[in-house]
Amino acid sequence: MKISFVLKEKPSDIRTGVQRYYDQLVDKLGELNELDIYYYGQISISQRSKYESKGTLTNLKSSRRSMFGSMLLRGLSDLSAIVRYDQIVHALLPVPMKLKRGAVLVTTIHDLTPLMVPEAFPFYTPYLFKKNLKALAKSNTYFIVNSQCTGNDLQKKFSVDPSRIFHTPLGVGEEFKPANDIVIKDVLIKYKLPQKYFLFTGAMNKRKNLDRVIEAFLLLKKNKNTDIKLVLAGRMNWGGSNIEEKVKKAGVKNDVILPGYIDEVDLPAVISAAKAMVYVSLYEGFGFPVLEAMKCGTPVIASNTSSIPEVAGDAALLVDPLSVEAITGAMEKIEEAGEEITDLISKGFKQAEQFTWENTANKTIEVYKSLLQQKKKS
């Protein structure tokens, strides 16, 4: 099968959740299919090598730049002269494209975050995102979504027919598993982390609800005599700098620790050492950290909104992300370490087993085959 991927790259080797999705699809699908990979942006040397080992690699130039000099998710090169009639073109980001008549266009929509939580983005991002999705909804593209929640949002916001939406859950790598004590000890020393802590991992921005996480943690410390700390690990994104200010103003730098980005190789050990993963985001299209923690045997406190209940199942303490008291209450349950928490850990291992990259790749191939078969009949 001939498949073309269209994606956005960056010069850094630090991979986001979305870019891990790129990597896994290219890796798994490149083993059995003929791949053409089109990208825009810049690309690191190591990432270039990975892609070139799986297929041909072509840099696309955007036809327009914003006033800020950044690439817009529009105006990509016309691919109609390149792709074949019987080809699948899978855009791994929401951008309209011109294709040869008869080629099948599939677009992955990870979430509708810029529309659901617009305050977490620069003012122009929701505008561009909405414009692109409107164009895609009116086109003949099919959509792959990571959760039923995102599929439902697409239907509600853009009146996309359900027959055009396919649900392919994401996976979690085999590297996420309980770390041994020696590895944990070395990682705690490397990042200067305490022995006992609640953990958040991910990009730090307004959507992640970290203000309330800090407030809930401070309320826990006020209510209970505990030496537990809060570790917020990740890079600061747009709007995330207020976290540092909040910690400084509250005078709790010794209790709330900001180690920055954790190297991927060290992440399983940092998660394994945590008392619990606290992931009470305001909105998610999937939520990797929830499953990563479960695979590491770490209990999870998570939001009861958006896609997270789909991912977490009955294997997490689900709370209202807008309620500081509810988050604190879940932290107190973790501290008590009763049978409920032991049961959650056991359920977490089983829940995480359902989410593999092999399953993601297989379901994606099923979508391609179904659409090509449908096109032949039409």
Protein backbone atom coordinates (compact mmCIF):
# COMPACT_ATOMS: atom_id res chain seq x y z
CA MET A 1 0.00 0.00 0.00
CA LYS A 2 1.27 3.46 -0.92
CA ILE A 3 0.91 5.91 2.00
CA SER A 4 1.92 9.56 2.24
CA PHE A 5 2.26 11.19 5.65
CA VAL A 6 2.16 14.96 6.07
CA LEU A 7 3.50 16.22 9.38
CA LYS A 8 5.17 19.09 11.21
CA GLU A 9 8.71 18.77 12.55
CA LYS A 10 11.05 20.79 14.75
CA PRO A 11 14.84 20.84 15.16
CA SER A 12 14.82 19.50 18.73
CA ASP A 13 15.07 15.79 19.59
CA ILE A 14 12.60 16.33 22.46
CA ARG A 15 9.45 14.53 21.31
CA THR A 16 5.96 15.62 22.33
CA GLY A 17 3.07 13.18 22.58
CA VAL A 18 1.94 14.11 19.07
CA GLN A 19 5.42 13.55 17.67
CA ARG A 20 5.63 10.17 19.38
CA TYR A 21 2.50 9.35 17.40
CA TYR A 22 4.38 10.34 14.22
CA ASP A 23 7.31 8.14 15.18
CA GLN A 24 5.22 5.09 15.99
CA LEU A 25 3.07 5.27 12.84
CA VAL A 26 6.10 5.74 10.60
CA ASP A 27 7.93 2.91 12.38
CA LYS A 28 5.07 0.40 12.41
CA LEU A 29 3.57 1.20 9.00
CA GLY A 30 6.94 1.58 7.31
CA GLU A 31 7.68 -2.09 7.89
CA LEU A 32 4.98 -3.31 5.49
CA ASN A 33 4.07 -0.34 3.32
CA GLU A 34 5.62 2.11 0.89
CA LEU A 35 5.92 5.47 2.67
CA ASP A 36 6.40 9.02 1.44
CA ILE A 37 6.90 11.48 4.29
CA TYR A 38 6.28 15.18 3.70
CA TYR A 39 7.11 17.59 6.48
CA TYR A 40 7.29 21.30 7.12
CA GLY A 41 9.33 23.13 9.69
CA GLN A 42 12.87 22.13 10.62
CA ILE A 43 14.06 18.63 11.44
CA SER A 44 16.86 17.26 13.60
CA ILE A 45 19.60 15.11 12.06
CA SER A 46 18.62 12.05 14.09
CA GLN A 47 14.94 12.39 13.21
CA ARG A 48 15.80 12.80 9.54
CA SER A 49 17.73 9.53 9.66
CA LYS A 50 14.82 7.71 11.31
CA TYR A 51 12.36 8.88 8.67
CA GLU A 52 14.70 8.19 5.75
CA SER A 53 15.15 4.61 6.96
CA LYS A 54 11.40 4.08 6.50
CA GLY A 55 10.63 5.95 3.28
CA THR A 56 11.27 9.01 1.13
CA LEU A 57 11.45 12.37 2.91
CA THR A 58 10.44 15.71 1.37
CA ASN A 59 10.41 19.19 2.93
CA LEU A 60 7.30 21.25 2.19
CA LYS A 61 7.46 25.02 2.15
CA SER A 62 4.59 27.06 3.53
CA SER A 63 3.36 29.70 1.08
CA ARG A 64 2.68 32.19 3.83
CA ARG A 65 4.10 33.37 7.14
CA SER A 66 2.34 35.07 9.98
CA MET A 67 3.25 38.50 11.27
CA PHE A 68 5.18 36.69 13.99
CA GLY A 69 7.31 34.83 11.45
CA SER A 70 6.05 31.39 12.44
CA MET A 71 4.72 28.81 10.02
CA LEU A 72 0.95 28.75 9.71
CA LEU A 73 -0.95 25.50 9.42
CA ARG A 74 -2.16 26.41 5.95
CA GLY A 75 -0.87 27.05 2.47
CA LEU A 76 1.15 23.85 2.20
CA SER A 77 2.36 22.77 -1.20
CA ASP A 78 -0.16 21.38 -3.65
CA LEU A 79 0.36 17.59 -3.57
CA SER A 80 -1.93 16.82 -6.51
CA ALA A 81 1.00 16.47 -8.91
CA ILE A 82 2.78 14.00 -6.63
CA VAL A 83 0.32 11.50 -5.20
CA ARG A 84 -1.23 8.61 -7.11
CA TYR A 85 -4.92 8.06 -7.76
CA ASP A 86 -5.03 5.00 -5.48
CA GLN A 87 -2.95 6.52 -2.71
CA ILE A 88 -3.72 7.25 0.94
CA VAL A 89 -2.60 10.71 2.06
CA HIS A 90 -2.65 10.93 5.84
CA ALA A 91 -2.17 14.41 7.29
CA LEU A 92 -1.04 14.03 10.90
CA LEU A 93 -2.11 17.61 11.60
CA PRO A 94 -5.26 19.57 10.65
CA VAL A 95 -4.31 21.31 7.42
CA PRO A 96 -6.33 21.49 4.17
CA MET A 97 -4.54 20.26 1.03
CA LYS A 98 -5.11 19.97 -2.69
CA LEU A 99 -4.84 16.37 -3.90
CA LYS A 100 -5.14 14.45 -7.12
CA ARG A 101 -8.74 13.53 -7.74
CA GLY A 102 -9.38 10.07 -6.37
CA ALA A 103 -6.65 10.04 -3.74
CA VAL A 104 -8.01 9.42 -0.25
CA LEU A 105 -7.28 12.09 2.36
CA VAL A 106 -7.25 11.17 6.04
CA THR A 107 -6.58 13.74 8.79
CA THR A 108 -5.72 12.98 12.40
CA ILE A 109 -7.36 15.29 14.93
CA HIS A 110 -5.84 14.72 18.36
CA ASP A 111 -8.16 17.13 20.15
CA LEU A 112 -10.00 20.42 19.85
CA THR A 113 -8.05 22.05 22.66
CA PRO A 114 -7.57 25.48 21.00
CA LEU A 115 -11.36 25.79 20.80
CA MET A 116 -12.19 24.21 24.15
CA VAL A 117 -9.56 26.06 26.20
CA PRO A 118 -8.68 29.11 24.03
CA GLU A 119 -7.17 30.99 26.97
CA ALA A 120 -4.31 28.48 27.00
CA PHE A 121 -3.05 29.66 23.59
CA PRO A 122 -1.83 32.80 21.81
CA PHE A 123 -4.83 34.67 20.40
CA TYR A 124 -4.22 33.63 16.77
CA THR A 125 -4.06 29.85 17.40
CA PRO A 126 -7.81 29.24 18.00
CA TYR A 127 -8.63 31.38 14.95
CA LEU A 128 -6.33 29.43 12.61
CA PHE A 129 -7.34 26.09 14.09
CA LYS A 130 -11.04 26.80 13.62
CA LYS A 131 -10.48 28.04 10.08
CA ASN A 132 -8.62 24.88 9.11
CA LEU A 133 -11.17 22.56 10.70
CA LYS A 134 -14.04 24.36 8.99
CA ALA A 135 -12.32 23.84 5.64
CA LEU A 136 -11.62 20.18 6.41
CA ALA A 137 -15.20 19.57 7.55
CA LYS A 138 -16.47 20.90 4.20
CA SER A 139 -13.94 18.84 2.22
CA ASN A 140 -13.96 15.11 1.45
CA THR A 141 -11.41 14.23 4.13
CA TYR A 142 -11.92 11.46 6.67
CA PHE A 143 -10.91 11.91 10.29
CA ILE A 144 -8.95 9.72 12.67
CA VAL A 145 -9.41 10.63 16.34
CA ASN A 146 -7.72 9.22 19.45
CA SER A 147 -10.85 9.25 21.61
CA GLN A 148 -14.62 9.13 21.33
CA CYS A 149 -14.63 12.49 23.09
CA THR A 150 -12.76 14.17 20.23
CA GLY A 151 -15.04 12.48 17.70
CA ASN A 152 -18.09 13.80 19.53
CA ASP A 153 -16.57 17.28 19.67
CA LEU A 154 -15.99 17.19 15.90
CA GLN A 155 -19.62 16.28 15.31
CA LYS A 156 -20.93 19.00 17.64
CA LYS A 157 -18.64 21.84 16.58
CA PHE A 158 -18.37 21.19 12.84
CA SER A 159 -21.33 18.92 11.99
CA VAL A 160 -19.04 16.18 10.69
CA ASP A 161 -20.97 13.05 9.75
CA PRO A 162 -20.07 10.14 12.09
CA SER A 163 -19.34 7.94 9.04
CA ARG A 164 -16.29 10.13 8.33
CA ILE A 165 -14.82 9.68 11.81
CA PHE A 166 -12.68 6.69 12.87
CA HIS A 167 -11.55 6.01 16.43
CA THR A 168 -7.97 4.71 16.82
CA PRO A 169 -6.71 4.93 20.42
CA LEU A 170 -3.03 5.65 20.97
CA GLY A 171 -0.50 3.39 22.68
CA VAL A 172 2.11 3.43 25.42
CA GLY A 173 5.65 2.20 24.86
CA GLU A 174 7.07 -0.93 26.46
CA GLU A 175 9.71 1.20 28.16
CA PHE A 176 7.08 2.21 30.71
CA LYS A 177 7.23 -0.39 33.47
CA PRO A 178 8.07 -0.41 37.19
CA ALA A 179 11.70 0.63 37.66
CA ASN A 180 13.99 -1.13 40.12
CA ASP A 181 15.31 0.56 43.26
CA ILE A 182 18.83 1.09 41.89
CA VAL A 183 17.58 2.91 38.78
CA ILE A 184 15.16 4.97 40.86
CA LYS A 185 17.92 6.00 43.28
CA ASP A 186 20.15 7.20 40.43
CA VAL A 187 17.34 9.18 38.79
CA LEU A 188 16.29 10.85 42.03
CA ILE A 189 19.88 12.00 42.52
CA LYS A 190 20.18 13.19 38.91
CA TYR A 191 17.10 15.44 39.14
CA LYS A 192 17.46 16.27 42.86
CA LEU A 193 14.05 14.80 43.63
CA PRO A 194 12.75 13.86 47.10
CA GLN A 195 11.94 10.34 48.27
CA LYS A 196 8.20 10.97 48.50
CA TYR A 197 6.24 13.06 46.00
CA PHE A 198 3.12 13.59 43.93
CA LEU A 199 4.02 13.98 40.26
CA PHE A 200 2.81 15.85 37.21
CA THR A 201 4.56 15.35 33.86
CA GLY A 202 3.93 17.19 30.62
CA ALA A 203 4.00 20.61 29.03
CA MET A 204 3.22 23.32 31.57
CA ASN A 205 0.44 25.58 30.36
CA LYS A 206 -2.93 26.88 31.54
CA ARG A 207 -4.79 23.85 30.21
CA LYS A 208 -2.95 21.54 32.60
CA ASN A 209 -4.66 23.19 35.58
CA LEU A 210 -1.46 23.38 37.62
CA ASP A 211 -2.62 26.41 39.62
CA ARG A 212 -5.32 24.26 41.20
CA VAL A 213 -2.93 21.33 41.65
CA ILE A 214 -0.64 23.59 43.68
CA GLU A 215 -3.56 24.97 45.70
CA ALA A 216 -4.82 21.44 46.38
CA PHE A 217 -1.37 20.33 47.49
CA LEU A 218 -0.97 23.30 49.83
CA LEU A 219 -4.41 22.55 51.29
CA LEU A 220 -3.26 18.96 51.89
CA LYS A 221 -0.17 20.24 53.72
CA LYS A 222 -2.38 22.53 55.79
CA ASN A 223 -4.79 19.73 56.71
CA LYS A 224 -2.25 17.00 57.37
CA ASN A 225 1.18 16.69 58.89
CA THR A 226 2.96 15.18 55.90
CA ASP A 227 6.42 15.44 54.42
CA ILE A 228 5.30 14.66 50.86
CA LYS A 229 6.38 17.04 48.06
CA LEU A 230 4.88 18.04 44.71
CA VAL A 231 7.01 17.62 41.58
CA LEU A 232 5.88 19.42 38.42
CA ALA A 233 8.10 18.09 35.64
CA GLY A 234 8.10 19.43 32.10
CA ARG A 235 8.86 22.37 29.87
CA MET A 236 7.14 25.72 30.27
CA ASN A 237 4.74 26.35 27.40
CA TRP A 238 2.84 29.51 26.48
CA GLY A 239 1.19 30.83 29.62
CA GLY A 240 3.04 28.46 31.94
CA SER A 241 5.53 30.91 33.43
CA ASN A 242 3.03 31.94 36.12
CA ILE A 243 3.67 28.56 37.78
CA GLU A 244 7.17 29.63 38.79
CA GLU A 245 5.80 32.95 40.04
CA LYS A 246 3.06 31.23 42.03
CA VAL A 247 5.54 28.90 43.74
CA LYS A 248 7.87 31.79 44.53
CA LYS A 249 5.12 34.04 45.93
CA ALA A 250 3.69 31.24 48.05
CA GLY A 251 7.12 30.64 49.58
CA VAL A 252 6.90 26.89 48.97
CA LYS A 253 9.97 26.30 46.79
CA ASN A 254 11.06 23.53 49.15
CA ASP A 255 7.74 21.72 48.79
CA VAL A 256 6.92 22.33 45.12
CA ILE A 257 9.80 21.24 42.90
CA LEU A 258 10.25 22.21 39.24
CA PRO A 259 12.99 19.99 37.75
CA GLY A 260 12.23 20.95 34.14
CA TYR A 261 12.15 18.46 31.29
CA ILE A 262 12.79 14.83 32.22
CA ASP A 263 14.76 12.85 29.62
CA GLU A 264 12.62 10.13 28.03
CA VAL A 265 14.98 7.42 29.23
CA ASP A 266 14.53 8.58 32.84
CA LEU A 267 10.78 9.14 32.78
CA PRO A 268 9.68 5.59 33.74
CA ALA A 269 11.84 5.71 36.88
CA VAL A 270 10.61 9.18 37.88
CA ILE A 271 7.02 7.97 37.46
CA SER A 272 7.69 4.69 39.29
CA ALA A 273 9.07 6.57 42.30
CA ALA A 274 6.03 8.84 42.61
CA LYS A 275 3.35 8.36 45.23
CA ALA A 276 0.81 9.20 42.52
CA MET A 277 0.47 10.85 39.13
CA VAL A 278 -1.72 13.97 39.39
CA TYR A 279 -3.15 14.73 35.96
CA VAL A 280 -6.22 16.91 36.34
CA SER A 281 -6.08 18.71 33.01
CA LEU A 282 -9.03 20.87 31.95
CA TYR A 283 -9.24 19.17 28.56
CA GLU A 284 -7.38 16.32 26.83
CA GLY A 285 -7.74 14.46 23.57
CA PHE A 286 -6.03 11.45 25.11
CA GLY A 287 -3.67 11.87 28.08
CA PHE A 288 -0.45 9.82 27.82
CA PRO A 289 0.72 10.38 31.43
CA VAL A 290 -2.35 8.56 32.79
CA LEU A 291 -1.41 5.32 31.02
CA GLU A 292 2.33 5.79 31.52
CA ALA A 293 1.76 5.92 35.27
CA MET A 294 -0.49 2.86 35.20
CA LYS A 295 2.16 0.87 33.33
CA CYS A 296 4.71 1.87 35.96
CA GLY A 297 2.48 0.74 38.82
CA THR A 298 1.81 4.28 40.04
CA PRO A 299 -1.74 5.25 41.11
CA VAL A 300 -3.42 8.07 39.19
CA ILE A 301 -5.50 11.10 40.14
CA ALA A 302 -7.14 12.39 36.97
CA SER A 303 -9.91 14.63 35.62
CA ASN A 304 -13.43 13.32 35.17
CA THR A 305 -13.80 15.36 31.97
CA SER A 306 -13.03 15.17 28.22
CA SER A 307 -11.28 11.98 27.06
CA ILE A 308 -9.62 11.05 30.35
CA PRO A 309 -12.41 8.79 31.69
CA GLU A 310 -12.16 6.79 28.43
CA VAL A 311 -8.45 6.29 28.92
CA ALA A 312 -8.47 5.77 32.69
CA GLY A 313 -11.52 3.52 32.93
CA ASP A 314 -12.11 2.48 36.54
CA ALA A 315 -8.38 2.43 37.28
CA ALA A 316 -7.94 6.01 38.56
CA LEU A 317 -9.30 8.41 41.14
CA LEU A 318 -11.37 10.69 38.91
CA VAL A 319 -12.11 14.18 40.23
CA ASP A 320 -13.68 17.45 39.13
CA PRO A 321 -10.65 19.42 37.84
CA LEU A 322 -12.30 22.70 38.90
CA SER A 323 -12.57 21.61 42.55
CA VAL A 324 -9.46 22.17 44.63
CA GLU A 325 -11.11 20.31 47.50
CA ALA A 326 -11.78 17.25 45.31
CA ILE A 327 -8.15 17.13 44.20
CA THR A 328 -7.00 17.45 47.82
CA GLY A 329 -9.39 14.67 48.84
CA ALA A 330 -7.86 12.33 46.25
CA MET A 331 -4.37 13.20 47.48
CA GLU A 332 -5.46 12.33 51.02
CA LYS A 333 -6.69 8.93 49.82
CA ILE A 334 -3.32 8.28 48.22
CA GLU A 335 -1.58 9.24 51.45
CA GLU A 336 -3.73 6.79 53.42
CA ALA A 337 -2.57 4.00 51.07
CA GLY A 338 -5.55 1.75 51.78
CA GLU A 339 -6.88 -1.25 49.88
CA GLU A 340 -8.58 1.04 47.36
CA ILE A 341 -5.19 2.31 46.18
CA THR A 342 -3.74 -1.21 45.96
CA ASP A 343 -6.77 -2.17 43.87
CA LEU A 344 -6.29 0.87 41.62
CA ILE A 345 -2.69 -0.13 40.87
CA SER A 346 -3.80 -3.64 39.90
CA LYS A 347 -6.59 -2.26 37.70
CA GLY A 348 -4.12 0.20 36.17
CA PHE A 349 -1.85 -2.55 34.85
CA LYS A 350 -4.84 -4.23 33.16
CA GLN A 351 -6.21 -0.97 31.78
CA ALA A 352 -2.87 0.04 30.24
CA GLU A 353 -2.52 -3.34 28.50
CA GLN A 354 -5.36 -2.33 26.17
CA PHE A 355 -3.34 0.56 24.69
CA THR A 356 -0.48 -0.56 22.43
CA TRP A 357 1.14 1.07 19.41
CA GLU A 358 0.65 -2.18 17.48
CA ASN A 359 -3.08 -1.80 18.02
CA THR A 360 -2.92 1.84 16.89
CA ALA A 361 -1.09 0.87 13.70
CA ASN A 362 -3.41 -2.06 12.96
CA LYS A 363 -6.54 0.06 13.41
CA THR A 364 -5.04 2.77 11.19
CA ILE A 365 -4.35 0.24 8.43
CA GLU A 366 -7.92 -1.02 8.78
CA VAL A 367 -9.15 2.54 8.17
CA TYR A 368 -6.98 2.87 5.05
CA LYS A 369 -8.16 -0.47 3.61
CA SER A 370 -11.80 0.31 4.33
CA LEU A 371 -11.59 3.70 2.60
CA LEU A 372 -9.75 2.34 -0.45
CA GLN A 373 -12.31 -0.45 -0.76
CA GLN A 374 -15.10 2.09 -0.43
CA LYS A 375 -13.54 4.22 -3.18
CA LYS A 376 -13.33 1.24 -5.56
CA LYS A 377 -17.04 0.56 -5.11
CA SER A 378 -18.04 4.17 -5.75
